[in-house]
């Protein structure tokens, strides 16, 4: 896990991406979650390198040509290794090679790059949680079907 200080420049670039997305897709911007998501993409780009493309199927293309979809959650506390990362079942058809996971502190001061996982390996190893089930680790009631994996199961970048 890599801790990253969120800079003003990251927030500005994330806000630009929000506006661009709204203009291109004529979507209604949903505020903090969208901003945190774009900050998460920026954090992953900083850690992994590559180009920030932000397509429906992936967010980053690495120099190797592999594509990465970044999944971001907001948090009020630093993540612990047993916390889980999620991919919503409805997102399983995205055409990416791998997933990267980021947590962004709600006050936008800090983010944590949690790791990444090859998409095929992720779905082989992840646990399917169904909408309405209670996650035994944290008593969270799952809001939509999703595949979960503990942070400790993710691949960590070399620093």
N, C-alpha and C. Protein backbone atom coordinates (compact mmCIF):
# COMPACT_ATOMS: atom_id res chain seq x y z
N UNK A 1 0.86 -1.17 0.00
CA UNK A 1 0.00 0.00 0.00
C UNK A 1 0.90 1.24 0.00
N UNK A 2 0.56 2.19 -0.86
CA UNK A 2 1.34 3.40 -0.98
C UNK A 2 0.47 4.60 -0.60
N UNK A 3 0.95 5.41 0.34
CA UNK A 3 0.24 6.62 0.74
C UNK A 3 0.66 7.76 -0.17
N UNK A 4 -0.33 8.51 -0.66
CA UNK A 4 -0.07 9.62 -1.58
C UNK A 4 -0.76 10.87 -1.04
N UNK A 5 -0.01 11.95 -0.91
CA UNK A 5 -0.61 13.23 -0.54
C UNK A 5 -1.31 13.80 -1.77
N UNK A 6 -2.56 14.17 -1.60
CA UNK A 6 -3.32 14.75 -2.71
C UNK A 6 -2.95 16.22 -2.82
N UNK A 7 -2.52 16.62 -4.01
CA UNK A 7 -2.11 18.00 -4.24
C UNK A 7 -3.26 18.81 -4.83
N UNK A 8 -3.13 20.13 -4.75
CA UNK A 8 -4.12 21.01 -5.36
C UNK A 8 -4.22 20.73 -6.86
N UNK A 9 -3.08 20.45 -7.49
CA UNK A 9 -3.07 20.16 -8.92
C UNK A 9 -3.90 18.91 -9.25
N UNK A 10 -3.81 17.88 -8.41
CA UNK A 10 -4.61 16.67 -8.62
C UNK A 10 -6.10 16.99 -8.56
N UNK A 11 -6.49 17.82 -7.59
CA UNK A 11 -7.90 18.19 -7.44
C UNK A 11 -8.36 19.00 -8.65
N UNK A 12 -7.52 19.93 -9.09
CA UNK A 12 -7.87 20.76 -10.26
C UNK A 12 -8.04 19.87 -11.50
N UNK A 13 -7.09 18.95 -11.72
CA UNK A 13 -7.20 18.06 -12.88
C UNK A 13 -8.43 17.16 -12.78
N UNK A 14 -8.75 16.70 -11.58
CA UNK A 14 -9.93 15.87 -11.39
C UNK A 14 -11.20 16.66 -11.68
N UNK A 15 -11.23 17.92 -11.26
CA UNK A 15 -12.40 18.77 -11.55
C UNK A 15 -12.56 18.99 -13.06
N UNK A 16 -11.43 19.17 -13.75
CA UNK A 16 -11.48 19.31 -15.21
C UNK A 16 -12.05 18.05 -15.86
N UNK A 17 -11.64 16.88 -15.37
CA UNK A 17 -12.16 15.62 -15.91
C UNK A 17 -13.66 15.51 -15.65
N UNK A 18 -14.11 15.97 -14.48
CA UNK A 18 -15.54 15.95 -14.17
C UNK A 18 -16.32 16.79 -15.17
N UNK A 19 -15.82 17.99 -15.44
CA UNK A 19 -16.49 18.88 -16.39
C UNK A 19 -16.49 18.29 -17.79
N UNK A 20 -15.35 17.72 -18.17
CA UNK A 20 -15.22 17.10 -19.49
C UNK A 20 -16.22 15.95 -19.62
N UNK A 21 -16.32 15.12 -18.60
CA UNK A 21 -17.25 14.00 -18.63
C UNK A 21 -18.69 14.50 -18.75
N UNK A 22 -19.01 15.54 -18.02
CA UNK A 22 -20.36 16.09 -18.07
C UNK A 22 -20.69 16.64 -19.43
N UNK A 23 -19.74 17.31 -20.06
CA UNK A 23 -19.98 17.86 -21.39
C UNK A 23 -20.04 16.77 -22.45
N UNK A 24 -19.15 15.79 -22.34
CA UNK A 24 -19.10 14.74 -23.35
C UNK A 24 -20.27 13.78 -23.24
N UNK A 25 -20.66 13.45 -22.03
CA UNK A 25 -21.69 12.43 -21.82
C UNK A 25 -23.03 13.04 -21.39
N UNK A 26 -23.06 14.37 -21.27
CA UNK A 26 -24.25 15.07 -20.83
C UNK A 26 -24.83 14.44 -19.57
N UNK A 27 -23.93 14.07 -18.68
CA UNK A 27 -24.36 13.46 -17.43
C UNK A 27 -24.50 14.52 -16.36
N UNK A 28 -25.28 14.20 -15.37
CA UNK A 28 -25.41 15.08 -14.21
C UNK A 28 -24.28 14.70 -13.25
N UNK A 29 -23.45 15.65 -12.93
CA UNK A 29 -22.31 15.38 -12.05
C UNK A 29 -22.81 15.13 -10.64
N UNK A 30 -22.32 14.05 -10.04
CA UNK A 30 -22.81 13.72 -8.71
C UNK A 30 -21.85 14.13 -7.60
N UNK A 31 -21.01 15.10 -7.87
CA UNK A 31 -20.22 15.72 -6.81
C UNK A 31 -19.07 14.90 -6.30
N UNK A 32 -19.03 14.71 -4.98
CA UNK A 32 -17.88 14.14 -4.28
C UNK A 32 -17.43 12.79 -4.77
N UNK A 33 -18.36 11.87 -5.05
CA UNK A 33 -17.97 10.54 -5.50
C UNK A 33 -17.25 10.58 -6.83
N UNK A 34 -17.74 11.39 -7.74
CA UNK A 34 -17.10 11.53 -9.05
C UNK A 34 -15.73 12.17 -8.90
N UNK A 35 -15.64 13.20 -8.08
CA UNK A 35 -14.36 13.87 -7.85
C UNK A 35 -13.36 12.90 -7.24
N UNK A 36 -13.78 12.15 -6.23
CA UNK A 36 -12.89 11.17 -5.60
C UNK A 36 -12.44 10.12 -6.62
N UNK A 37 -13.36 9.70 -7.49
CA UNK A 37 -13.01 8.72 -8.51
C UNK A 37 -11.92 9.22 -9.45
N UNK A 38 -12.04 10.47 -9.88
CA UNK A 38 -11.02 11.02 -10.77
C UNK A 38 -9.70 11.26 -10.02
N UNK A 39 -9.77 11.60 -8.74
CA UNK A 39 -8.54 11.72 -7.94
C UNK A 39 -7.90 10.35 -7.82
N UNK A 40 -8.72 9.31 -7.61
CA UNK A 40 -8.19 7.94 -7.55
C UNK A 40 -7.47 7.56 -8.82
N UNK A 41 -8.02 7.94 -9.95
CA UNK A 41 -7.36 7.66 -11.23
C UNK A 41 -6.02 8.38 -11.31
N UNK A 42 -6.00 9.62 -10.84
CA UNK A 42 -4.76 10.39 -10.86
C UNK A 42 -3.70 9.75 -9.96
N UNK A 43 -4.13 9.26 -8.80
CA UNK A 43 -3.21 8.59 -7.87
C UNK A 43 -2.65 7.32 -8.52
N UNK A 44 -3.51 6.52 -9.14
CA UNK A 44 -3.05 5.30 -9.81
C UNK A 44 -2.07 5.63 -10.93
N UNK A 45 -2.37 6.68 -11.68
CA UNK A 45 -1.47 7.12 -12.75
C UNK A 45 -0.11 7.50 -12.18
N UNK A 46 -0.11 8.20 -11.06
CA UNK A 46 1.15 8.61 -10.43
C UNK A 46 1.98 7.39 -10.00
N UNK A 47 1.31 6.36 -9.48
CA UNK A 47 2.01 5.18 -8.99
C UNK A 47 2.41 4.25 -10.13
N UNK A 48 1.50 4.04 -11.10
CA UNK A 48 1.72 3.03 -12.13
C UNK A 48 2.33 3.58 -13.42
N UNK A 49 2.18 4.89 -13.66
CA UNK A 49 2.65 5.46 -14.91
C UNK A 49 1.63 5.24 -16.01
N UNK A 50 2.02 5.56 -17.24
CA UNK A 50 1.14 5.37 -18.38
C UNK A 50 0.43 6.65 -18.79
N UNK A 51 -0.71 6.47 -19.51
CA UNK A 51 -1.49 7.60 -20.01
C UNK A 51 -2.89 7.54 -19.42
N UNK A 52 -3.40 8.71 -19.04
CA UNK A 52 -4.74 8.84 -18.46
C UNK A 52 -5.72 9.04 -19.60
N UNK A 53 -6.47 7.98 -19.97
CA UNK A 53 -7.35 8.03 -21.13
C UNK A 53 -8.82 8.12 -20.75
N UNK A 54 -9.21 7.53 -19.66
CA UNK A 54 -10.56 7.61 -19.13
C UNK A 54 -11.63 7.26 -20.15
N UNK A 55 -11.64 6.00 -20.58
CA UNK A 55 -12.69 5.49 -21.46
C UNK A 55 -13.71 4.74 -20.60
N UNK A 56 -14.78 4.25 -21.20
CA UNK A 56 -15.74 3.44 -20.46
C UNK A 56 -15.09 2.17 -19.94
N UNK A 57 -14.21 1.56 -20.74
CA UNK A 57 -13.63 0.26 -20.39
C UNK A 57 -12.41 0.34 -19.49
N UNK A 58 -11.67 1.42 -19.56
CA UNK A 58 -10.46 1.55 -18.73
C UNK A 58 -10.12 3.02 -18.57
N UNK A 59 -9.28 3.27 -17.57
CA UNK A 59 -8.90 4.65 -17.24
C UNK A 59 -7.47 4.97 -17.67
N UNK A 60 -6.60 3.98 -17.59
CA UNK A 60 -5.17 4.19 -17.85
C UNK A 60 -4.67 3.13 -18.82
N UNK A 61 -3.78 3.56 -19.73
CA UNK A 61 -3.04 2.61 -20.55
C UNK A 61 -1.58 2.70 -20.13
N UNK A 62 -1.05 1.57 -19.65
CA UNK A 62 0.34 1.53 -19.23
C UNK A 62 1.26 1.55 -20.44
N UNK A 63 2.53 1.87 -20.21
CA UNK A 63 3.51 1.90 -21.30
C UNK A 63 3.60 0.55 -22.00
N UNK A 64 3.28 -0.54 -21.27
CA UNK A 64 3.32 -1.89 -21.85
C UNK A 64 2.14 -2.15 -22.79
N UNK A 65 1.15 -1.25 -22.77
CA UNK A 65 -0.06 -1.44 -23.57
C UNK A 65 -1.20 -2.04 -22.78
N UNK A 66 -0.94 -2.51 -21.57
CA UNK A 66 -2.02 -3.06 -20.73
C UNK A 66 -2.92 -1.93 -20.26
N UNK A 67 -4.21 -2.26 -20.14
CA UNK A 67 -5.19 -1.26 -19.73
C UNK A 67 -5.64 -1.52 -18.30
N UNK A 68 -5.89 -0.43 -17.57
CA UNK A 68 -6.21 -0.49 -16.14
C UNK A 68 -7.49 0.28 -15.88
N UNK A 69 -8.44 -0.36 -15.21
CA UNK A 69 -9.61 0.35 -14.72
C UNK A 69 -9.40 0.58 -13.23
N UNK A 70 -9.55 1.82 -12.80
CA UNK A 70 -9.29 2.19 -11.40
C UNK A 70 -10.61 2.21 -10.64
N UNK A 71 -10.63 1.53 -9.51
CA UNK A 71 -11.80 1.49 -8.63
C UNK A 71 -11.44 2.24 -7.35
N UNK A 72 -12.23 3.27 -7.05
CA UNK A 72 -11.94 4.15 -5.91
C UNK A 72 -13.09 4.15 -4.93
N UNK A 73 -12.75 4.12 -3.65
CA UNK A 73 -13.73 4.29 -2.58
C UNK A 73 -13.27 5.45 -1.71
N UNK A 74 -14.24 6.18 -1.17
CA UNK A 74 -13.92 7.23 -0.21
C UNK A 74 -13.85 6.61 1.19
N UNK A 75 -13.07 7.23 2.04
CA UNK A 75 -12.90 6.72 3.40
C UNK A 75 -12.67 7.88 4.36
N UNK A 76 -12.94 7.64 5.62
CA UNK A 76 -12.64 8.65 6.63
C UNK A 76 -11.42 8.24 7.46
N UNK A 77 -10.94 7.02 7.25
CA UNK A 77 -9.80 6.50 8.02
C UNK A 77 -8.81 5.81 7.09
N UNK A 78 -7.55 5.73 7.49
CA UNK A 78 -6.59 4.98 6.68
C UNK A 78 -7.04 3.52 6.56
N UNK A 79 -6.94 2.92 5.38
CA UNK A 79 -7.38 1.54 5.21
C UNK A 79 -6.45 0.55 5.92
N UNK A 80 -7.05 -0.50 6.43
CA UNK A 80 -6.28 -1.60 7.02
C UNK A 80 -6.19 -2.72 6.00
N UNK A 81 -5.18 -3.57 6.15
CA UNK A 81 -4.92 -4.60 5.14
C UNK A 81 -6.06 -5.59 4.94
N UNK A 82 -6.91 -5.79 5.94
CA UNK A 82 -8.00 -6.74 5.78
C UNK A 82 -9.23 -6.12 5.11
N UNK A 83 -9.22 -4.79 4.89
CA UNK A 83 -10.33 -4.16 4.18
C UNK A 83 -10.41 -4.74 2.77
N UNK A 84 -11.61 -4.68 2.22
CA UNK A 84 -11.82 -5.29 0.91
C UNK A 84 -12.00 -4.25 -0.20
N UNK A 85 -11.61 -4.65 -1.38
CA UNK A 85 -11.81 -3.87 -2.59
C UNK A 85 -12.93 -4.53 -3.37
N UNK A 86 -13.67 -3.75 -4.13
CA UNK A 86 -14.85 -4.28 -4.81
C UNK A 86 -14.89 -3.91 -6.29
N UNK A 87 -15.47 -4.83 -7.07
CA UNK A 87 -15.83 -4.57 -8.45
C UNK A 87 -17.31 -4.95 -8.56
N UNK A 88 -18.14 -3.99 -8.91
CA UNK A 88 -19.56 -4.26 -9.06
C UNK A 88 -19.80 -5.28 -10.17
N UNK A 89 -20.72 -6.18 -9.96
CA UNK A 89 -21.01 -7.22 -10.96
C UNK A 89 -21.36 -6.61 -12.31
N UNK A 90 -22.03 -5.47 -12.31
CA UNK A 90 -22.41 -4.85 -13.58
C UNK A 90 -21.21 -4.29 -14.34
N UNK A 91 -20.04 -4.19 -13.69
CA UNK A 91 -18.83 -3.69 -14.35
C UNK A 91 -17.92 -4.81 -14.87
N UNK A 92 -18.35 -6.06 -14.77
CA UNK A 92 -17.46 -7.17 -15.14
C UNK A 92 -17.20 -7.26 -16.64
N UNK A 93 -17.99 -6.60 -17.45
CA UNK A 93 -17.83 -6.69 -18.91
C UNK A 93 -16.90 -5.60 -19.47
N UNK A 94 -16.40 -4.74 -18.58
CA UNK A 94 -15.46 -3.72 -19.07
C UNK A 94 -14.24 -4.40 -19.69
N UNK A 95 -13.78 -3.87 -20.79
CA UNK A 95 -12.65 -4.45 -21.50
C UNK A 95 -11.35 -3.82 -21.01
N UNK A 96 -10.87 -4.33 -19.89
CA UNK A 96 -9.60 -3.88 -19.35
C UNK A 96 -8.76 -5.11 -19.03
N UNK A 97 -7.47 -4.91 -18.86
CA UNK A 97 -6.57 -6.03 -18.53
C UNK A 97 -6.43 -6.23 -17.03
N UNK A 98 -6.59 -5.14 -16.28
CA UNK A 98 -6.40 -5.24 -14.84
C UNK A 98 -7.17 -4.15 -14.12
N UNK A 99 -7.30 -4.34 -12.81
CA UNK A 99 -7.91 -3.34 -11.94
C UNK A 99 -6.86 -2.80 -10.98
N UNK A 100 -6.98 -1.52 -10.66
CA UNK A 100 -6.19 -0.90 -9.59
C UNK A 100 -7.19 -0.34 -8.58
N UNK A 101 -6.81 -0.36 -7.31
CA UNK A 101 -7.72 0.06 -6.25
C UNK A 101 -7.10 1.17 -5.42
N UNK A 102 -7.93 2.19 -5.16
CA UNK A 102 -7.48 3.38 -4.44
C UNK A 102 -8.54 3.75 -3.41
N UNK A 103 -8.10 4.22 -2.26
CA UNK A 103 -9.00 4.84 -1.27
C UNK A 103 -8.61 6.30 -1.17
N UNK A 104 -9.61 7.18 -1.16
CA UNK A 104 -9.39 8.62 -1.07
C UNK A 104 -10.06 9.12 0.21
N UNK A 105 -9.28 9.81 1.03
CA UNK A 105 -9.84 10.37 2.26
C UNK A 105 -10.87 11.44 1.91
N UNK A 106 -11.98 11.44 2.64
CA UNK A 106 -13.10 12.32 2.32
C UNK A 106 -12.72 13.80 2.30
N UNK A 107 -11.72 14.18 3.09
CA UNK A 107 -11.30 15.60 3.09
C UNK A 107 -10.33 15.92 1.96
N UNK A 108 -10.06 14.93 1.10
CA UNK A 108 -9.19 15.08 -0.08
C UNK A 108 -7.75 15.46 0.28
N UNK A 109 -7.30 15.04 1.44
CA UNK A 109 -5.92 15.33 1.85
C UNK A 109 -4.96 14.21 1.48
N UNK A 110 -5.46 12.98 1.50
CA UNK A 110 -4.60 11.80 1.36
C UNK A 110 -5.33 10.73 0.57
N UNK A 111 -4.55 9.92 -0.15
CA UNK A 111 -5.10 8.75 -0.82
C UNK A 111 -4.15 7.58 -0.58
N UNK A 112 -4.66 6.40 -0.78
CA UNK A 112 -3.86 5.18 -0.64
C UNK A 112 -4.04 4.34 -1.88
N UNK A 113 -2.92 4.08 -2.56
CA UNK A 113 -2.93 3.14 -3.68
C UNK A 113 -2.81 1.76 -3.03
N UNK A 114 -3.86 0.95 -3.15
CA UNK A 114 -3.93 -0.31 -2.42
C UNK A 114 -3.27 -1.47 -3.14
N UNK A 115 -3.19 -1.40 -4.45
CA UNK A 115 -2.60 -2.47 -5.24
C UNK A 115 -3.41 -2.68 -6.50
N UNK A 116 -3.05 -3.71 -7.26
CA UNK A 116 -3.73 -4.01 -8.51
C UNK A 116 -3.86 -5.52 -8.67
N UNK A 117 -4.63 -5.92 -9.66
CA UNK A 117 -4.82 -7.35 -9.92
C UNK A 117 -5.23 -7.54 -11.37
N UNK A 118 -4.65 -8.53 -12.02
CA UNK A 118 -5.06 -8.93 -13.36
C UNK A 118 -6.55 -9.26 -13.31
N UNK A 119 -7.31 -8.80 -14.29
CA UNK A 119 -8.77 -8.97 -14.28
C UNK A 119 -9.18 -10.44 -14.18
N UNK A 120 -8.57 -11.31 -14.97
CA UNK A 120 -8.92 -12.73 -14.94
C UNK A 120 -8.65 -13.33 -13.57
N UNK A 121 -7.48 -13.03 -13.00
CA UNK A 121 -7.13 -13.53 -11.67
C UNK A 121 -8.08 -12.98 -10.62
N UNK A 122 -8.46 -11.71 -10.77
CA UNK A 122 -9.35 -11.09 -9.79
C UNK A 122 -10.64 -11.90 -9.67
N UNK A 123 -11.27 -12.21 -10.79
CA UNK A 123 -12.55 -12.90 -10.73
C UNK A 123 -12.41 -14.37 -10.33
N UNK A 124 -11.25 -14.97 -10.55
CA UNK A 124 -11.01 -16.35 -10.08
C UNK A 124 -10.90 -16.38 -8.56
N UNK A 125 -10.30 -15.33 -7.98
CA UNK A 125 -9.98 -15.33 -6.55
C UNK A 125 -10.96 -14.55 -5.68
N UNK A 126 -11.71 -13.64 -6.26
CA UNK A 126 -12.60 -12.77 -5.47
C UNK A 126 -13.83 -13.55 -4.98
N UNK A 127 -14.47 -13.00 -3.97
CA UNK A 127 -15.69 -13.57 -3.40
C UNK A 127 -16.89 -12.76 -3.88
N UNK A 128 -17.90 -13.45 -4.40
CA UNK A 128 -19.12 -12.78 -4.84
C UNK A 128 -19.99 -12.48 -3.63
N UNK A 129 -20.35 -11.23 -3.46
CA UNK A 129 -21.27 -10.79 -2.40
C UNK A 129 -22.55 -10.34 -3.11
N UNK A 130 -23.68 -10.84 -2.64
CA UNK A 130 -24.97 -10.51 -3.25
C UNK A 130 -25.64 -9.35 -2.53
N UNK A 131 -26.38 -8.57 -3.29
CA UNK A 131 -27.13 -7.44 -2.74
C UNK A 131 -27.97 -7.92 -1.55
N UNK A 132 -27.88 -7.17 -0.45
CA UNK A 132 -28.64 -7.50 0.75
C UNK A 132 -27.90 -8.37 1.74
N UNK A 133 -26.81 -9.04 1.30
CA UNK A 133 -26.01 -9.84 2.23
C UNK A 133 -25.25 -8.91 3.17
N UNK A 134 -24.95 -9.41 4.34
CA UNK A 134 -24.13 -8.66 5.28
C UNK A 134 -22.71 -9.20 5.20
N UNK A 135 -21.76 -8.30 4.99
CA UNK A 135 -20.36 -8.68 4.98
C UNK A 135 -19.94 -8.95 6.42
N UNK A 136 -19.54 -10.18 6.69
CA UNK A 136 -19.20 -10.59 8.05
C UNK A 136 -18.02 -9.87 8.65
N UNK A 137 -17.13 -9.32 7.81
CA UNK A 137 -15.94 -8.65 8.33
C UNK A 137 -16.24 -7.28 8.92
N UNK A 138 -17.26 -6.60 8.36
CA UNK A 138 -17.50 -5.23 8.81
C UNK A 138 -18.98 -4.89 8.99
N UNK A 139 -19.83 -5.90 8.87
CA UNK A 139 -21.28 -5.74 9.02
C UNK A 139 -21.90 -4.76 8.01
N UNK A 140 -21.23 -4.54 6.89
CA UNK A 140 -21.76 -3.69 5.84
C UNK A 140 -22.78 -4.50 5.03
N UNK A 141 -23.96 -3.93 4.80
CA UNK A 141 -24.97 -4.57 3.97
C UNK A 141 -24.67 -4.20 2.51
N UNK A 142 -24.42 -5.22 1.70
CA UNK A 142 -24.03 -5.02 0.31
C UNK A 142 -25.19 -4.41 -0.46
N UNK A 143 -24.92 -3.30 -1.17
CA UNK A 143 -25.97 -2.55 -1.89
C UNK A 143 -26.22 -3.06 -3.30
N UNK A 144 -25.23 -3.75 -3.87
CA UNK A 144 -25.36 -4.32 -5.21
C UNK A 144 -24.42 -5.52 -5.30
N UNK A 145 -24.76 -6.49 -6.14
CA UNK A 145 -23.88 -7.64 -6.31
C UNK A 145 -22.48 -7.15 -6.67
N UNK A 146 -21.47 -7.70 -6.00
CA UNK A 146 -20.09 -7.27 -6.27
C UNK A 146 -19.12 -8.40 -5.93
N UNK A 147 -17.94 -8.27 -6.49
CA UNK A 147 -16.85 -9.21 -6.22
C UNK A 147 -15.85 -8.49 -5.32
N UNK A 148 -15.53 -9.11 -4.18
CA UNK A 148 -14.65 -8.49 -3.19
C UNK A 148 -13.36 -9.28 -3.02
N UNK A 149 -12.30 -8.54 -2.70
CA UNK A 149 -10.99 -9.13 -2.44
C UNK A 149 -10.28 -8.27 -1.40
N UNK A 150 -9.65 -8.92 -0.43
CA UNK A 150 -8.90 -8.19 0.60
C UNK A 150 -7.68 -7.50 0.00
N UNK A 151 -7.33 -6.37 0.57
CA UNK A 151 -6.15 -5.62 0.11
C UNK A 151 -4.92 -6.51 0.09
N UNK A 152 -4.79 -7.41 1.07
CA UNK A 152 -3.60 -8.27 1.16
C UNK A 152 -3.47 -9.21 -0.04
N UNK A 153 -4.58 -9.43 -0.78
CA UNK A 153 -4.54 -10.32 -1.93
C UNK A 153 -4.16 -9.62 -3.23
N UNK A 154 -4.04 -8.29 -3.19
CA UNK A 154 -3.69 -7.54 -4.38
C UNK A 154 -2.19 -7.59 -4.63
N UNK A 155 -1.81 -7.38 -5.88
CA UNK A 155 -0.39 -7.27 -6.25
C UNK A 155 0.08 -5.86 -5.88
N UNK A 156 1.25 -5.79 -5.28
CA UNK A 156 1.81 -4.51 -4.86
C UNK A 156 2.89 -4.05 -5.82
N UNK A 157 2.90 -2.75 -6.15
CA UNK A 157 3.94 -2.25 -7.05
C UNK A 157 5.29 -2.21 -6.35
N UNK A 158 6.34 -2.34 -7.13
CA UNK A 158 7.67 -2.16 -6.55
C UNK A 158 7.91 -0.66 -6.38
N UNK A 159 8.49 -0.30 -5.24
CA UNK A 159 8.67 1.12 -4.96
C UNK A 159 10.09 1.55 -5.25
